[in-house]
Protein backbone atom coordinates (compact mmCIF):
# COMPACT_ATOMS: atom_id res chain seq x y z
CA MET A 1 0.81 -14.94 -6.91
CA PRO A 2 -0.55 -17.64 -4.57
CA VAL A 3 -3.43 -16.74 -2.26
CA ARG A 4 -2.37 -16.35 1.37
CA LEU A 5 -3.93 -19.16 3.36
CA PRO A 6 -6.02 -17.74 6.22
CA PRO A 7 -5.18 -18.71 9.79
CA LEU A 8 -7.33 -21.57 11.03
CA THR A 9 -8.64 -19.39 13.85
CA GLU A 10 -10.37 -17.02 11.41
CA ARG A 11 -14.02 -17.94 10.85
CA PRO A 12 -15.29 -17.80 7.25
CA ALA A 13 -17.70 -14.95 8.03
CA ARG A 14 -14.84 -12.93 9.52
CA LEU A 15 -12.71 -13.51 6.43
CA LEU A 16 -15.53 -12.33 4.21
CA LEU A 17 -16.57 -9.27 6.25
CA GLU A 18 -13.38 -7.89 7.81
CA GLY A 19 -13.08 -4.18 6.94
CA ILE A 20 -15.83 -4.61 4.36
CA VAL A 21 -17.88 -1.41 4.93
CA ASP A 22 -16.54 1.90 3.68
CA TYR A 23 -18.76 4.29 5.62
CA ALA A 24 -20.49 6.81 3.33
CA GLY A 25 -22.78 8.52 5.82
CA LEU A 26 -22.40 11.86 4.03
CA PHE A 27 -24.09 10.45 0.93
CA PRO A 28 -27.74 9.67 0.12
CA PRO A 29 -29.96 8.24 1.34
CA ALA A 30 -28.47 8.99 4.79
CA GLY A 31 -27.11 12.42 3.80
CA LEU A 32 -25.75 13.21 7.27
CA GLY A 33 -23.93 16.37 8.19
CA MET A 34 -20.17 16.13 8.57
CA THR A 35 -20.13 16.36 12.37
CA LYS A 36 -22.68 13.57 12.77
CA ALA A 37 -20.99 11.32 10.20
CA VAL A 38 -17.56 11.80 11.77
CA ARG A 39 -18.87 11.07 15.28
CA ASN A 40 -20.60 7.97 13.97
CA PHE A 41 -17.36 6.75 12.41
CA ALA A 42 -15.47 7.27 15.67
CA HIS A 43 -18.17 5.37 17.56
CA TYR A 44 -18.24 2.48 15.08
CA ARG A 45 -14.45 2.28 15.05
CA ALA A 46 -14.31 1.87 18.83
CA GLY A 47 -17.16 -0.65 19.04
CA GLY A 48 -17.09 -4.41 19.13
CA THR A 49 -17.90 -4.68 15.43
CA GLY A 50 -15.31 -2.11 14.39
CA TRP A 51 -13.49 -4.94 12.60
CA MET A 52 -16.12 -4.66 9.84
CA LEU A 53 -15.37 -0.97 9.27
CA GLY A 54 -13.17 0.20 6.40
CA ARG A 55 -12.58 3.76 5.25
CA PHE A 56 -14.53 6.99 5.71
CA VAL A 57 -15.84 8.18 2.33
CA CYS A 58 -15.40 11.93 1.82
CA PRO A 59 -15.75 14.22 -1.21
CA ALA A 60 -12.49 15.94 -2.11
CA ALA A 61 -14.01 19.40 -1.65
CA ARG A 62 -15.07 18.57 1.93
CA LEU A 63 -11.71 17.42 3.27
CA PRO A 64 -11.13 20.68 5.21
CA GLU A 65 -14.60 20.29 6.75
CA PHE A 66 -13.73 16.73 7.74
CA SER A 67 -10.54 17.92 9.44
CA ALA A 68 -12.41 20.54 11.46
CA ALA A 69 -14.98 17.99 12.65
CA ALA A 70 -12.60 15.07 13.21
CA ASP A 71 -9.53 16.69 14.77
CA PRO A 72 -10.77 16.32 18.40
CA LEU A 73 -11.51 12.62 17.82
CA LEU A 74 -8.47 11.44 15.88
CA PRO A 75 -5.83 9.20 17.48
CA ARG A 76 -2.71 11.07 18.58
CA ASP A 77 -0.59 8.39 20.22
CA ALA A 78 2.53 7.21 18.43
CA GLY A 79 1.83 3.92 16.70
CA ALA A 80 -1.95 4.45 16.68
CA ILE A 81 -3.83 3.26 13.62
CA PRO A 82 -4.96 6.36 11.67
CA TRP A 83 -8.40 6.87 10.24
CA ARG A 84 -8.24 6.06 6.54
CA LEU A 85 -10.24 8.01 4.00
CA THR A 86 -11.30 7.27 0.46
CA VAL A 87 -11.90 10.49 -1.45
CA THR A 88 -14.56 10.84 -4.15
CA GLY A 89 -13.68 12.95 -7.15
CA SER A 90 -15.18 16.33 -7.98
CA GLY A 91 -14.64 16.12 -11.72
CA HIS A 92 -11.42 18.13 -11.47
CA VAL A 93 -8.61 15.67 -10.93
CA GLU A 94 -5.81 18.17 -10.35
CA ALA A 95 -7.85 20.02 -7.72
CA ASP A 96 -8.74 16.73 -6.02
CA LEU A 97 -5.12 15.61 -5.88
CA GLU A 98 -4.05 18.96 -4.44
CA ALA A 99 -6.80 18.75 -1.80
CA MET A 100 -5.60 15.26 -0.81
CA ARG A 101 -1.96 16.36 -0.74
CA ALA A 102 -2.79 19.32 1.52
CA PHE A 103 -4.94 17.12 3.76
CA ASN A 104 -2.24 14.50 4.21
CA GLU A 105 0.46 17.08 4.80
CA ARG A 106 -1.63 18.85 7.43
CA HIS A 107 -2.34 15.64 9.30
CA ARG A 108 1.26 14.48 9.03
CA VAL A 109 2.47 17.71 10.62
CA CYS A 110 -0.27 18.04 13.23
CA PHE A 111 -0.47 14.40 14.24
CA ASP A 112 3.08 13.17 13.61
CA GLU A 113 1.85 10.74 10.96
CA CYS A 114 -1.08 9.55 13.10
CA GLY A 115 -4.58 10.94 12.91
CA ALA A 116 -5.91 10.46 9.41
CA THR A 117 -4.73 9.70 5.92
CA ALA A 118 -6.47 10.02 2.55
CA ASP A 119 -4.96 7.10 0.66
CA SER A 120 -7.70 6.12 -1.77
CA TYR A 121 -9.39 7.97 -4.66
CA GLU A 122 -12.68 7.20 -6.46
CA VAL A 123 -13.55 8.64 -9.87
CA ARG A 124 -16.24 7.96 -12.46
CA VAL A 125 -15.16 7.13 -15.99
CA SER A 126 -17.27 6.55 -19.08
CA GLY A 127 -14.81 5.29 -21.66
CA VAL A 128 -11.43 3.74 -22.33
CA GLU A 129 -9.86 7.10 -23.20
CA GLU A 130 -10.94 8.51 -19.82
CA ILE A 131 -9.41 5.49 -18.07
CA VAL A 132 -6.07 6.04 -19.81
CA ALA A 133 -6.13 9.79 -19.15
CA LEU A 134 -6.96 9.35 -15.48
CA HIS A 135 -4.19 6.79 -15.07
CA GLN A 136 -1.72 9.28 -16.51
CA GLN A 137 -2.86 12.05 -14.16
CA VAL A 138 -2.94 10.16 -10.87
CA PRO A 139 0.28 9.10 -9.08
CA ALA A 140 0.89 5.37 -9.34
CA THR A 141 1.17 5.13 -5.55
CA LEU A 142 -2.42 6.33 -4.98
CA THR A 143 -5.01 3.54 -4.86
CA THR A 144 -7.54 4.59 -7.48
CA TRP A 145 -11.00 3.12 -8.07
CA MET A 146 -12.51 3.80 -11.49
CA GLU A 147 -16.31 3.59 -11.48
CA VAL A 148 -17.51 2.14 -14.76
CA PRO A 149 -21.03 1.98 -16.21
CA LEU A 150 -22.54 -1.50 -16.19
CA ASP A 151 -23.41 -1.41 -19.88
CA GLU A 152 -22.51 -3.56 -22.86
CA GLN A 153 -18.95 -2.20 -22.84
CA CYS A 154 -18.31 -3.04 -19.19
CA GLY A 155 -15.86 -5.80 -20.06
CA GLN A 156 -13.81 -3.44 -22.23
CA TYR A 157 -13.63 -0.90 -19.41
CA VAL A 158 -12.37 -3.51 -16.95
CA GLU A 159 -9.80 -4.73 -19.49
CA ALA A 160 -8.54 -1.16 -19.86
CA ILE A 161 -8.34 -0.75 -16.08
CA ALA A 162 -6.35 -3.99 -15.90
CA ARG A 163 -3.79 -2.57 -18.33
CA THR A 164 -3.28 0.42 -16.02
CA GLY A 165 -2.97 -1.66 -12.83
CA ARG A 166 -5.74 0.40 -11.21
CA ARG A 167 -8.96 -0.80 -9.58
CA ALA A 168 -12.60 -0.83 -10.66
CA LYS A 169 -15.82 0.26 -8.98
CA MET A 170 -19.41 -0.83 -9.49
CA ARG A 171 -22.56 1.10 -8.59
CA ALA A 172 -25.26 -1.39 -7.60
CA GLY A 173 -28.16 0.97 -6.93
CA GLY A 174 -29.31 4.38 -5.80
CA VAL A 175 -32.34 6.23 -4.48
CA THR A 176 -34.58 5.67 -7.52
CA PRO A 177 -35.70 2.36 -9.07
CA ASP A 178 -33.96 3.08 -12.38
CA ALA A 179 -30.58 3.35 -10.60
CA PHE A 180 -30.39 -0.41 -10.07
CA PRO A 181 -28.63 -2.48 -12.72
CA SER A 182 -29.77 -5.91 -13.81
CA SER A 183 -28.33 -8.92 -12.05
CA ALA A 184 -26.98 -10.12 -15.40
CA SER A 185 -24.92 -6.93 -15.77
CA ILE A 186 -23.42 -7.42 -12.31
CA VAL A 187 -22.48 -10.98 -13.26
CA THR A 188 -20.79 -9.61 -16.38
CA PHE A 189 -18.83 -7.16 -14.24
CA LEU A 190 -17.76 -9.88 -11.81
CA ARG A 191 -16.69 -12.14 -14.68
CA ALA A 192 -14.58 -9.34 -16.11
CA LEU A 193 -12.90 -8.82 -12.73
CA LEU A 194 -12.01 -12.49 -12.49
CA THR A 195 -10.85 -12.78 -16.09
CA CYS A 196 -8.75 -9.61 -16.02
CA ASN A 197 -7.49 -10.02 -12.44
CA VAL A 198 -8.86 -6.64 -11.34
CA VAL A 199 -9.86 -5.75 -7.76
CA ALA A 200 -13.04 -3.71 -7.28
CA LYS A 201 -15.35 -2.15 -4.76
CA ALA A 202 -19.14 -2.05 -4.95
CA THR A 203 -21.31 0.78 -3.72
CA ALA A 204 -24.85 2.19 -3.54
CA GLY A 205 -27.93 0.29 -2.45
CA LEU A 206 -25.91 -2.35 -0.60
CA HIS A 207 -26.66 -1.67 3.06
CA HIS A 208 -28.70 -4.87 3.49
CA PRO A 209 -27.07 -8.32 3.55
CA LEU A 210 -29.56 -10.10 1.28
CA ARG A 211 -31.53 -9.18 -1.80
CA GLY A 212 -35.04 -8.00 -1.06
CA VAL A 213 -37.59 -5.23 -1.37
CA HIS A 214 -36.68 -2.21 0.76
CA ARG A 215 -37.40 1.49 0.94
CA LEU A 216 -35.01 3.37 -1.33
CA THR A 217 -34.60 6.25 1.13
CA TYR A 218 -35.26 6.77 4.82
CA GLU A 219 -38.32 8.94 4.23
CA PRO A 220 -41.58 7.42 5.60
CA ASP A 221 -43.28 7.63 2.20
CA ALA A 222 -40.24 6.54 0.19
CA PRO A 223 -40.76 4.26 -2.81
CA THR A 224 -39.58 0.69 -2.54
CA GLY A 225 -37.48 -1.39 -4.88
CA ARG A 226 -35.58 -4.65 -5.15
CA MET A 227 -32.13 -4.02 -3.76
CA PHE A 228 -29.08 -6.26 -4.00
CA GLY A 229 -27.51 -7.57 -0.80
CA PHE A 230 -23.83 -7.16 -0.10
CA LEU A 231 -23.64 -10.84 0.90
CA ASN A 232 -25.16 -11.73 -2.46
CA VAL A 233 -22.45 -9.79 -4.27
CA LEU A 234 -19.62 -11.27 -2.21
CA LEU A 235 -20.91 -14.83 -2.44
CA ALA A 236 -21.63 -14.49 -6.16
CA ALA A 237 -17.98 -13.53 -6.61
CA ALA A 238 -16.96 -16.49 -4.46
CA VAL A 239 -18.89 -19.12 -6.39
CA MET A 240 -17.60 -17.62 -9.63
CA ALA A 241 -14.02 -17.81 -8.35
CA ASP A 242 -14.72 -21.46 -7.51
CA GLY A 243 -15.66 -22.20 -11.11
CA ALA A 244 -19.45 -21.84 -11.14
CA ARG A 245 -21.29 -21.11 -14.38
CA ASP A 246 -22.76 -17.63 -14.83
CA VAL A 247 -26.31 -18.98 -14.46
CA VAL A 248 -25.44 -20.25 -10.98
CA VAL A 249 -23.66 -17.01 -10.10
CA GLN A 250 -26.80 -15.08 -11.05
CA GLN A 251 -28.93 -17.35 -8.86
CA VAL A 252 -26.66 -16.56 -5.90
CA LEU A 253 -26.93 -12.85 -6.68
CA GLU A 254 -30.73 -13.15 -6.68
CA GLU A 255 -30.98 -15.26 -3.51
CA THR A 256 -33.48 -13.88 -0.96
CA ASN A 257 -33.81 -16.82 1.44
CA PRO A 258 -31.49 -16.66 4.49
CA ALA A 259 -31.93 -20.41 5.01
CA ALA A 260 -30.19 -21.05 1.68
CA LEU A 261 -26.95 -19.69 3.15
CA GLN A 262 -25.14 -21.59 5.86
CA VAL A 263 -21.99 -20.56 7.71
CA ASN A 264 -19.93 -22.50 10.24
CA ASP A 265 -16.35 -22.53 11.52
CA THR A 266 -14.86 -24.06 8.37
CA HIS A 267 -16.82 -22.96 5.31
CA LEU A 268 -19.88 -21.31 3.80
CA ALA A 269 -22.49 -23.07 1.74
CA TRP A 270 -25.27 -22.03 -0.62
CA HIS A 271 -28.15 -24.38 -1.38
CA GLY A 272 -29.86 -23.31 -4.58
CA PRO A 273 -32.77 -24.78 -6.54
CA ASP A 274 -30.51 -27.10 -8.54
CA ASP A 275 -27.02 -26.70 -7.09
CA ALA A 276 -25.33 -26.80 -3.70
CA VAL A 277 -22.02 -24.98 -3.48
CA THR A 278 -19.48 -25.14 -0.65
CA ILE A 279 -17.18 -22.12 -0.39
CA THR A 280 -13.88 -22.67 1.38
CA ARG A 281 -12.02 -20.18 3.51
CA ALA A 282 -9.25 -19.99 0.90
CA THR A 283 -11.80 -18.94 -1.75
CA LEU A 284 -13.23 -16.28 0.55
CA GLN A 285 -9.75 -14.91 1.11
CA GLN A 286 -9.20 -14.87 -2.66
CA VAL A 287 -12.44 -12.95 -3.21
CA ARG A 288 -11.48 -10.21 -0.76
CA GLU A 289 -7.90 -9.91 -2.04
CA ARG A 290 -8.55 -10.24 -5.76
CA MET A 291 -12.18 -9.36 -6.54
CA ILE A 292 -14.25 -7.34 -4.01
CA ALA A 293 -12.20 -5.33 -1.53
CA SER A 294 -14.99 -3.29 0.04
CA ILE A 295 -18.64 -2.24 -0.03
CA GLY A 296 -19.65 1.41 0.20
CA SER A 297 -22.66 2.01 2.44
CA CYS A 298 -24.30 5.12 3.88
CA SER A 299 -25.18 3.00 6.92
CA PHE A 300 -22.93 0.90 9.13
CA THR A 301 -25.55 -0.18 11.66
CA GLU A 302 -27.82 -1.85 9.09
CA PRO A 303 -25.10 -4.13 7.64
CA VAL A 304 -23.92 -5.01 11.16
CA ASP A 305 -27.29 -5.50 12.82
CA GLU A 306 -28.83 -7.44 9.94
CA SER A 307 -25.73 -9.63 9.59
CA ARG A 308 -25.93 -10.33 13.31
CA ALA A 309 -29.59 -11.27 12.97
CA LEU A 310 -28.59 -13.79 10.28
CA GLY A 311 -25.96 -15.28 12.59
CA TRP A 312 -23.00 -14.06 10.55
CA VAL A 313 -21.63 -11.64 13.19
């Protein structure tokens, strides 16, 4: 299927970042209460950078709690765009699916198909057999992200996901140093996505635009670690889609210098130690449609504010 050419009025940064952040404020390191997270989402959605906001990330078991907190804030006008949720699995697929069905039915009845909809499901898998079993359990109409380990079998997992027509998910970090994968393993994952034509999302440790050393939690005495940037992941996918060798892709993933990245009205560019790569708007569109659909982040303000400071927003 040919890539849809983006309108000439859309700036490259907008193409790359539109709807990119799935807001996971309930999850560490933010770990907000439901009421606070829901109010944040409503505020972000109504703000001037709401175009960067994607879905609200909610555990299946907390959907009733979400409804109680969000009902006063949800859109009720006919034709309004509903809040969209992606639901994380509990380990019990049948119970999760029933919770989502009940949630969607309640909001359909109470809001006349406005309000909110849970239309995305995220589940961890650890082997090909689990991928096949999950595919058989989940309705084909439900967008399902299968989180795979970034180990030596990563390529096999992505191949299996491709055979099901589902989507993949990558965890790029956490709240401890050992939760972060190597950059080489992320390159392997990206290569598998491109080769197998699988769409994915990336999550955890990605609330800063560029790779760097940051505190792993919001505690004053929190340990620090080298975190990946969400721009690094997106641009690594872009240069790979444009034909770059894995060694160049890994250099983009490791880039820490903002001056190495340039954005204007027509294209993006990365100037590395040995290579300079220009990324067209068509490639950026391809990356978002065919490789990385969204980034999960417990913060929305950090991705927005730091992207603005870099001149991308």
